[in-house]
Amino acid sequence: MPALEILARDADSRARAGILTTTHGAVRTPAFVPLATKATVKGLLPDEVSDLGYDMVLGNTFHLFLDPGHERIAGFGGLHEFMGWKRPIITDSGGFQVFSMGHGAVADEIKGKSPQGSERLGKVISITEDGVRFRSYLDGSEKFLAPETSMEIQTKLNSDIALVFDECTPFHVERSYTERSTERTHRWLERCMAWHGEHGAPGQLVYGISQGGVYEDLRKQSTEVIAASGTPGIAIGGSLGAEKAQMYEVVDWATSVLGGEHEHKPRHLLGIGEIDDLVRGVELGIDTFDCAMPTRLGRHGVALVPDPAKRWRVDLTAGRFRDDHAPIMEGCPCPACALGLSRGYLRYLVHSRELTGMRLLTIHNLAFVQRVMQDLRDAILAGTLPATARALRSGAAPGAVVPAAPVTA
């Protein structure tokens, strides 16, 4: 039985709404997945995340491998018990983080972040067919990750969805390198599947990762290979281009070959979460997304608001908000807005590096993104996605976009 039950499809795009079934419960799709990188959504309790409407979080295999270690987490009964999150968890393979140390620009392209502080200790020593040898960013010690190692770690973590180990190449490498890298990713996929078939956690879903960079033939071929491999789901990873138009084109190439017998395989877009990207991604047939954007912005004093001209952002660290009595956003149900806390007060908290300010903005941003995803899901179910997508792109407040027909699921 497919992991994804499709409840409705949009007539004008590839968008679909459904239910993704996992060992620890159901995920309503399309869905955004907050990052619980180091076994926590930074600053929040598990119940606070679920109360916002989120069904699943993402744990980071690379970071949890280095500290506290998968064996220690297994001793607590797995990642769910360790962090107190009882709902579904997806874990990445560690490939993105490892190859970011080697290529550098991958992180800049996809995450918009450069290595800082102790992360600069990390360094790839060698990339071979066996796997990747690298130095830990924590203490410089030598570590090794291979397809089998990655799957073993994720099995010990007992995540609901595990991603296969892949080589994540950046935009700036030549086509010939991208082609060789993609072929290696496919060989590593076979090793991951073989290991998981013999040793994997019962009920754990495995997603293959489409690579191929920004080359149409490589991207389509890679997606077809992943789809035909027998993996229950498919993630789209690697470099997606230098600008949004190119990213949408790359995602379109990938999802264009996932119809027919592969239609019910869930599709995850790795590392993407800007508001306009979520809307377009849903139209292109993506079921789940993950990104650090809403939580990272909140910790740095930036709130999400319905303002497309400013990338849906307002920077509350700016001095002009010192005497601003308005809430972040009228009508927002998050605690900061519901209590009527002023932008001036929040600016003071953030400027003073008070943890309360970072928490409130993190919650606000996650609440904003969740309402965007709920609007998109409701619209697909009601058959009104084009109007809803147009309204969100134009700056309509999420949660205020009402479907024209009743939602029945």
Protein backbone atom coordinates (compact mmCIF):
# COMPACT_ATOMS: atom_id res chain seq x y z
CA MET A 1 0.00 0.00 0.00
CA PRO A 2 1.45 3.43 -0.95
CA ALA A 3 2.53 5.66 1.93
CA LEU A 4 0.65 8.62 0.43
CA GLU A 5 -3.11 8.64 -0.04
CA ILE A 6 -4.06 11.40 -2.47
CA LEU A 7 -7.39 12.97 -1.51
CA ALA A 8 -7.63 15.70 -4.13
CA ARG A 9 -5.78 17.11 -7.13
CA ASP A 10 -5.74 20.58 -8.60
CA ALA A 11 -7.03 20.65 -12.17
CA ASP A 12 -4.64 23.38 -13.33
CA SER A 13 -1.34 22.14 -11.85
CA ARG A 14 0.35 19.10 -10.33
CA ALA A 15 -0.73 20.08 -6.81
CA ARG A 16 -2.33 17.42 -4.66
CA ALA A 17 -3.55 17.12 -1.07
CA GLY A 18 -3.26 13.90 0.84
CA ILE A 19 -2.36 11.91 3.92
CA LEU A 20 1.15 10.53 4.39
CA THR A 21 1.01 7.56 6.75
CA THR A 22 4.00 6.77 8.98
CA THR A 23 4.68 4.60 12.01
CA HIS A 24 4.16 7.52 14.40
CA GLY A 25 1.07 8.94 12.75
CA ALA A 26 -0.27 10.78 9.75
CA VAL A 27 1.07 13.88 8.01
CA ARG A 28 -1.46 16.09 6.25
CA THR A 29 0.00 17.20 2.91
CA PRO A 30 1.10 19.51 1.48
CA ALA A 31 3.06 20.29 4.63
CA PHE A 32 5.99 22.29 5.89
CA VAL A 33 8.39 20.43 8.19
CA PRO A 34 10.17 22.52 10.88
CA LEU A 35 13.80 21.70 11.57
CA ALA A 36 14.64 19.92 14.82
CA THR A 37 18.29 19.87 13.76
CA LYS A 38 19.79 18.88 17.10
CA ALA A 39 16.74 17.07 18.50
CA THR A 40 14.85 20.29 19.17
CA VAL A 41 13.01 22.98 17.27
CA LYS A 42 15.18 25.73 18.73
CA GLY A 43 13.56 27.41 21.72
CA LEU A 44 10.29 25.48 21.61
CA LEU A 45 8.76 22.53 23.42
CA PRO A 46 7.36 19.66 21.35
CA ASP A 47 3.79 20.48 22.36
CA GLU A 48 4.25 24.08 21.23
CA VAL A 49 5.25 22.85 17.78
CA SER A 50 2.36 20.39 17.48
CA ASP A 51 -0.12 22.96 18.81
CA LEU A 52 0.80 25.19 15.86
CA GLY A 53 -0.51 22.44 13.58
CA TYR A 54 2.68 20.67 12.57
CA ASP A 55 2.62 16.91 12.08
CA MET A 56 6.32 16.20 11.46
CA VAL A 57 9.78 17.60 12.21
CA LEU A 58 13.20 16.95 10.67
CA GLY A 59 16.20 15.69 12.63
CA ASN A 60 19.72 16.13 11.33
CA THR A 61 21.64 12.87 10.98
CA PHE A 62 25.04 14.58 10.60
CA HIS A 63 24.79 16.68 13.76
CA LEU A 64 23.22 13.93 15.87
CA PHE A 65 25.94 11.51 14.70
CA LEU A 66 28.63 13.86 16.01
CA ASP A 67 26.83 14.76 19.25
CA PRO A 68 25.34 13.13 21.28
CA GLY A 69 25.75 10.11 18.99
CA HIS A 70 23.18 7.71 17.57
CA GLU A 71 24.09 4.93 20.00
CA ARG A 72 23.35 7.17 22.97
CA ILE A 73 20.05 8.29 21.45
CA ALA A 74 19.16 4.64 20.80
CA GLY A 75 19.78 4.01 24.50
CA PHE A 76 16.93 6.40 25.25
CA GLY A 77 14.62 4.47 22.93
CA GLY A 78 15.22 6.50 19.79
CA LEU A 79 14.85 10.10 18.74
CA HIS A 80 11.13 10.37 19.53
CA GLU A 81 11.65 9.42 23.16
CA PHE A 82 14.91 11.36 23.44
CA MET A 83 13.33 14.68 22.41
CA GLY A 84 9.77 14.07 23.58
CA TRP A 85 8.19 14.37 20.12
CA LYS A 86 5.58 11.63 19.62
CA ARG A 87 4.66 12.44 16.02
CA PRO A 88 6.49 11.60 12.76
CA ILE A 89 10.16 12.48 12.27
CA ILE A 90 12.10 12.59 9.01
CA THR A 91 15.90 12.44 9.15
CA ASP A 92 18.24 13.58 6.39
CA SER A 93 21.20 11.45 5.35
CA GLY A 94 24.06 13.72 6.41
CA GLY A 95 25.14 14.15 2.81
CA PHE A 96 24.25 17.83 2.58
CA GLN A 97 26.31 18.80 5.64
CA VAL A 98 29.31 16.65 4.70
CA PHE A 99 29.53 17.94 1.16
CA SER A 100 28.92 21.52 2.25
CA MET A 101 32.26 21.27 4.05
CA GLY A 102 33.87 20.12 0.83
CA HIS A 103 32.13 22.36 -1.69
CA GLY A 104 31.23 25.26 0.59
CA ALA A 105 28.82 26.87 -1.83
CA VAL A 106 26.11 24.25 -1.43
CA ALA A 107 25.11 25.73 1.90
CA ASP A 108 25.22 29.26 0.54
CA GLU A 109 23.03 28.34 -2.42
CA ILE A 110 20.42 26.27 -0.62
CA LYS A 111 20.47 27.51 2.95
CA GLY A 112 21.81 31.02 2.53
CA LYS A 113 24.37 30.47 5.26
CA SER A 114 28.18 30.40 5.42
CA PRO A 115 30.23 28.41 7.95
CA GLN A 116 30.85 30.30 11.18
CA GLY A 117 32.76 29.69 14.39
CA SER A 118 33.46 26.06 15.18
CA GLU A 119 31.93 24.95 11.85
CA ARG A 120 35.12 26.12 10.17
CA LEU A 121 36.95 23.19 11.79
CA GLY A 122 35.00 20.82 9.55
CA LYS A 123 36.81 19.68 6.44
CA VAL A 124 36.36 16.88 3.92
CA ILE A 125 39.49 14.73 3.77
CA SER A 126 38.47 12.40 0.95
CA ILE A 127 35.51 11.40 -1.19
CA THR A 128 35.73 7.87 -2.54
CA GLU A 129 33.35 5.19 -3.72
CA ASP A 130 33.38 3.81 -0.17
CA GLY A 131 32.16 7.05 1.42
CA VAL A 132 33.36 10.36 2.82
CA ARG A 133 36.10 10.90 5.37
CA PHE A 134 35.96 14.27 7.12
CA ARG A 135 36.94 16.18 10.24
CA SER A 136 34.29 17.01 12.80
CA TYR A 137 33.43 20.69 13.08
CA LEU A 138 33.23 20.17 16.87
CA ASP A 139 36.77 19.07 17.64
CA GLY A 140 38.55 18.31 14.37
CA SER A 141 38.49 14.55 14.94
CA GLU A 142 38.37 12.30 11.88
CA LYS A 143 34.99 10.74 11.03
CA PHE A 144 33.64 8.54 8.25
CA LEU A 145 30.20 8.42 6.65
CA ALA A 146 29.16 5.88 4.04
CA PRO A 147 25.76 4.78 2.69
CA GLU A 148 25.64 1.97 5.22
CA THR A 149 26.75 4.24 8.08
CA SER A 150 24.06 6.79 7.29
CA MET A 151 21.34 4.15 7.22
CA GLU A 152 22.61 2.60 10.46
CA ILE A 153 22.51 5.99 12.20
CA GLN A 154 18.98 6.67 10.99
CA THR A 155 17.88 3.19 12.03
CA LYS A 156 19.25 3.81 15.52
CA LEU A 157 17.43 7.14 15.58
CA ASN A 158 14.28 5.22 14.57
CA SER A 159 12.95 8.02 12.42
CA ASP A 160 9.76 7.45 10.45
CA ILE A 161 11.39 8.55 7.18
CA ALA A 162 15.09 8.06 6.38
CA LEU A 163 16.88 9.65 3.44
CA VAL A 164 19.55 7.78 1.51
CA PHE A 165 23.15 9.01 1.53
CA ASP A 166 23.90 11.14 -1.51
CA GLU A 167 26.56 13.43 -2.89
CA CYS A 168 25.23 16.97 -2.85
CA THR A 169 26.94 19.05 -5.52
CA PRO A 170 26.77 22.84 -5.82
CA PHE A 171 25.84 24.99 -8.78
CA HIS A 172 29.39 25.99 -9.68
CA VAL A 173 30.80 22.54 -10.52
CA GLU A 174 31.13 21.42 -14.14
CA ARG A 175 28.58 19.20 -15.82
CA SER A 176 31.05 16.32 -16.02
CA TYR A 177 31.49 16.36 -12.23
CA THR A 178 27.74 16.61 -11.70
CA GLU A 179 27.21 13.60 -13.96
CA ARG A 180 29.82 11.49 -12.16
CA SER A 181 28.48 12.57 -8.79
CA THR A 182 24.91 11.69 -9.75
CA GLU A 183 25.98 8.24 -10.91
CA ARG A 184 27.76 7.72 -7.59
CA THR A 185 24.62 8.81 -5.74
CA HIS A 186 22.70 6.12 -7.64
CA ARG A 187 25.23 3.46 -6.66
CA TRP A 188 25.06 4.63 -3.06
CA LEU A 189 21.26 4.38 -3.28
CA GLU A 190 21.59 0.68 -4.09
CA ARG A 191 23.87 0.18 -1.08
CA CYS A 192 21.49 2.09 1.20
CA MET A 193 18.53 0.02 0.05
CA ALA A 194 20.44 -3.23 0.44
CA TRP A 195 21.55 -2.36 3.99
CA HIS A 196 18.11 -1.14 4.99
CA GLY A 197 16.41 -4.19 3.53
CA GLU A 198 18.44 -6.38 5.86
CA HIS A 199 18.87 -4.20 8.95
CA GLY A 200 16.43 -1.28 8.72
CA ALA A 201 13.96 -0.30 11.40
CA PRO A 202 10.52 -1.91 10.90
CA GLY A 203 8.09 0.48 9.26
CA GLN A 204 10.76 3.07 8.45
CA LEU A 205 10.15 4.63 5.02
CA VAL A 206 13.21 5.31 2.85
CA TYR A 207 13.35 8.21 0.38
CA GLY A 208 15.81 8.28 -2.49
CA ILE A 209 17.25 11.67 -3.45
CA SER A 210 17.11 13.07 -6.98
CA GLN A 211 20.31 14.80 -8.01
CA GLY A 212 21.55 16.00 -11.42
CA GLY A 213 22.05 19.67 -10.66
CA VAL A 214 20.62 22.15 -13.16
CA TYR A 215 20.91 19.87 -16.19
CA GLU A 216 17.53 18.77 -17.52
CA ASP A 217 18.59 15.37 -18.81
CA LEU A 218 20.58 14.51 -15.67
CA ARG A 219 17.84 15.70 -13.34
CA LYS A 220 15.11 13.76 -15.14
CA GLN A 221 17.26 10.63 -15.43
CA SER A 222 18.15 10.76 -11.74
CA THR A 223 14.50 11.19 -10.72
CA GLU A 224 13.51 8.24 -12.91
CA VAL A 225 16.24 6.07 -11.42
CA ILE A 226 15.12 6.95 -7.88
CA ALA A 227 11.47 6.32 -8.70
CA ALA A 228 12.23 2.93 -10.25
CA SER A 229 14.45 1.85 -7.34
CA GLY A 230 11.58 0.84 -5.11
CA THR A 231 11.98 3.59 -2.53
CA PRO A 232 8.61 4.52 -0.99
CA GLY A 233 9.29 8.24 -1.45
CA ILE A 234 11.42 10.71 -3.38
CA ALA A 235 13.32 13.79 -2.21
CA ILE A 236 14.60 16.48 -4.56
CA GLY A 237 18.02 17.71 -3.49
CA GLY A 238 21.31 19.19 -4.59
CA SER A 239 21.74 22.49 -6.37
CA LEU A 240 18.47 23.84 -7.72
CA GLY A 241 19.99 26.80 -9.53
CA ALA A 242 21.18 30.35 -9.13
CA GLU A 243 17.76 32.03 -9.00
CA LYS A 244 14.12 31.24 -8.32
CA ALA A 245 13.09 30.82 -11.96
CA GLN A 246 15.77 28.21 -12.46
CA MET A 247 14.85 26.46 -9.21
CA TYR A 248 11.23 26.18 -10.30
CA GLU A 249 12.38 24.82 -13.65
CA VAL A 250 14.54 22.15 -11.98
CA VAL A 251 11.70 21.09 -9.66
CA ASP A 252 9.36 20.99 -12.67
CA TRP A 253 11.75 18.64 -14.49
CA ALA A 254 11.79 16.30 -11.53
CA THR A 255 8.06 16.15 -10.85
CA SER A 256 7.23 15.91 -14.56
CA VAL A 257 8.49 12.30 -14.61
CA LEU A 258 6.71 11.23 -11.42
CA GLY A 259 3.25 10.50 -12.77
CA GLY A 260 1.68 7.16 -13.56
CA GLU A 261 2.88 4.31 -11.39
CA HIS A 262 4.96 6.75 -9.30
CA GLU A 263 2.10 9.18 -8.62
CA HIS A 264 1.51 7.93 -5.07
CA LYS A 265 5.11 8.25 -3.97
CA PRO A 266 5.43 11.24 -1.63
CA ARG A 267 7.76 14.03 -2.83
CA HIS A 268 9.90 16.09 -0.49
CA LEU A 269 11.75 19.27 -1.51
CA LEU A 270 14.89 19.62 0.58
CA GLY A 271 15.92 22.95 2.12
CA ILE A 272 13.24 25.17 0.54
CA GLY A 273 10.73 27.23 2.55
CA GLU A 274 10.37 30.83 1.35
CA ILE A 275 6.68 31.75 1.09
CA ASP A 276 6.59 32.16 -2.70
CA ASP A 277 8.63 28.96 -3.07
CA LEU A 278 6.11 27.03 -0.97
CA VAL A 279 3.26 28.23 -3.17
CA ARG A 280 5.05 27.39 -6.41
CA GLY A 281 6.38 24.12 -5.01
CA VAL A 282 2.87 22.97 -4.15
CA GLU A 283 1.74 23.84 -7.68
CA LEU A 284 4.59 21.74 -9.04
CA GLY A 285 3.45 18.72 -7.04
CA ILE A 286 5.62 18.81 -3.92
CA ASP A 287 4.08 17.23 -0.82
CA THR A 288 6.49 18.24 1.96
CA PHE A 289 9.14 20.91 2.47
CA ASP A 290 11.79 21.64 5.11
CA CYS A 291 13.80 24.78 5.71
CA ALA A 292 15.53 26.70 8.50
CA MET A 293 14.07 29.99 7.28
CA PRO A 294 11.19 30.68 9.74
CA THR A 295 13.07 29.67 12.88
CA ARG A 296 16.37 31.25 11.87
CA LEU A 297 14.70 34.54 10.98
CA GLY A 298 12.89 34.58 14.30
CA ARG A 299 16.10 34.13 16.26
CA HIS A 300 17.55 37.13 14.43
CA GLY A 301 14.63 39.48 15.00
CA VAL A 302 12.87 39.09 11.65
CA ALA A 303 9.13 38.38 11.50
CA LEU A 304 7.09 37.02 8.60
CA VAL A 305 4.29 39.31 7.40
CA PRO A 306 2.10 39.42 4.25
CA ASP A 307 4.39 41.77 2.31
CA PRO A 308 5.65 40.17 -0.94
CA ALA A 309 7.58 43.31 -1.93
CA LYS A 310 9.84 42.75 1.10
CA ARG A 311 9.98 38.95 0.74
CA TRP A 312 7.31 38.55 3.42
CA ARG A 313 9.67 39.97 6.06
CA VAL A 314 9.89 42.80 8.55
CA ASP A 315 13.18 43.32 10.39
CA LEU A 316 12.22 44.30 13.91
CA THR A 317 15.81 45.07 14.86
CA ALA A 318 15.53 48.35 12.94
CA GLY A 319 15.55 51.47 15.08
CA ARG A 320 12.34 52.79 13.50
CA PHE A 321 10.33 50.24 15.50
CA ARG A 322 11.40 51.60 18.93
CA ASP A 323 8.12 53.51 19.35
CA ASP A 324 5.88 51.33 17.18
CA HIS A 325 2.75 50.36 19.15
CA ALA A 326 1.33 48.03 16.49
CA PRO A 327 1.51 44.23 16.79
CA ILE A 328 3.61 42.27 14.32
CA MET A 329 0.49 41.46 12.32
CA GLU A 330 -3.18 42.25 12.85
CA GLY A 331 -5.34 39.16 13.16
CA CYS A 332 -2.47 36.74 13.72
CA PRO A 333 -3.35 34.11 16.39
CA CYS A 334 0.23 33.60 17.61
CA PRO A 335 0.89 34.50 21.29
CA ALA A 336 2.78 37.71 20.52
CA CYS A 337 0.06 39.10 18.27
CA ALA A 338 -2.88 37.70 20.26
CA LEU A 339 -1.55 39.38 23.42
CA GLY A 340 -1.15 42.63 21.52
CA LEU A 341 2.58 42.83 22.20
CA SER A 342 3.94 45.80 20.29
CA ARG A 343 6.65 45.85 17.69
CA GLY A 344 8.41 48.31 19.96
CA TYR A 345 8.47 45.80 22.82
CA LEU A 346 9.60 42.96 20.57
CA ARG A 347 12.29 45.18 19.08
CA TYR A 348 13.54 45.87 22.62
CA LEU A 349 13.59 42.14 23.47
CA VAL A 350 15.45 41.19 20.30
CA HIS A 351 17.91 44.06 20.60
CA SER A 352 18.61 43.00 24.19
CA ARG A 353 19.04 39.37 23.07
CA GLU A 354 16.29 38.31 25.45
CA LEU A 355 15.29 34.69 24.83
CA THR A 356 11.60 35.60 25.14
CA GLY A 357 11.84 37.75 22.04
CA MET A 358 13.49 35.02 19.99
CA ARG A 359 10.89 32.49 21.16
CA LEU A 360 7.94 34.74 20.36
CA LEU A 361 9.21 35.53 16.86
CA THR A 362 10.00 31.88 16.18
CA ILE A 363 6.46 30.89 17.17
CA HIS A 364 5.01 33.73 15.09
CA ASN A 365 6.97 32.70 12.00
CA LEU A 366 6.09 29.03 12.31
CA ALA A 367 2.44 29.96 12.82
CA PHE A 368 2.57 32.12 9.67
CA VAL A 369 4.06 29.32 7.55
CA GLN A 370 1.60 26.76 8.91
CA ARG A 371 -1.36 28.98 7.94
CA VAL A 372 0.08 29.36 4.43
CA MET A 373 0.28 25.58 4.10
CA GLN A 374 -3.22 25.14 5.55
CA ASP A 375 -4.59 27.65 3.04
CA LEU A 376 -2.94 25.76 0.18
CA ARG A 377 -4.20 22.39 1.40
CA ASP A 378 -7.74 23.65 1.95
CA ALA A 379 -7.72 25.25 -1.49
CA ILE A 380 -6.69 22.01 -3.21
CA LEU A 381 -9.44 20.14 -1.38
CA ALA A 382 -11.98 22.82 -2.30
CA GLY A 383 -10.83 23.16 -5.91
CA THR A 384 -9.81 26.81 -5.48
CA LEU A 385 -6.01 26.64 -5.58
CA PRO A 386 -5.44 29.13 -8.44
CA ALA A 387 -7.33 31.88 -6.58
CA THR A 388 -5.68 31.07 -3.25
CA ALA A 389 -2.19 30.96 -4.75
CA ARG A 390 -2.82 34.28 -6.49
CA ALA A 391 -4.06 35.85 -3.26
CA LEU A 392 -1.07 34.65 -1.22
CA ARG A 393 1.38 35.88 -3.85
CA SER A 394 -0.38 39.26 -3.81
CA GLY A 395 0.02 39.66 -0.06
CA ALA A 396 -3.17 38.23 1.40
CA ALA A 397 -2.79 37.33 5.06
CA PRO A 398 -2.61 33.56 5.51
CA GLY A 399 -5.61 32.22 7.33
CA ALA A 400 -7.81 34.87 5.74
CA VAL A 401 -7.94 33.19 2.32
CA VAL A 402 -11.28 31.37 2.42
CA PRO A 403 -12.03 28.58 -0.11
CA ALA A 404 -15.07 29.15 -2.28
CA ALA A 405 -16.38 25.66 -1.55
CA PRO A 406 -16.57 23.68 1.72
CA VAL A 407 -13.59 21.55 2.69
CA THR A 408 -14.64 17.94 3.30
CA ALA A 409 -11.34 16.30 4.38
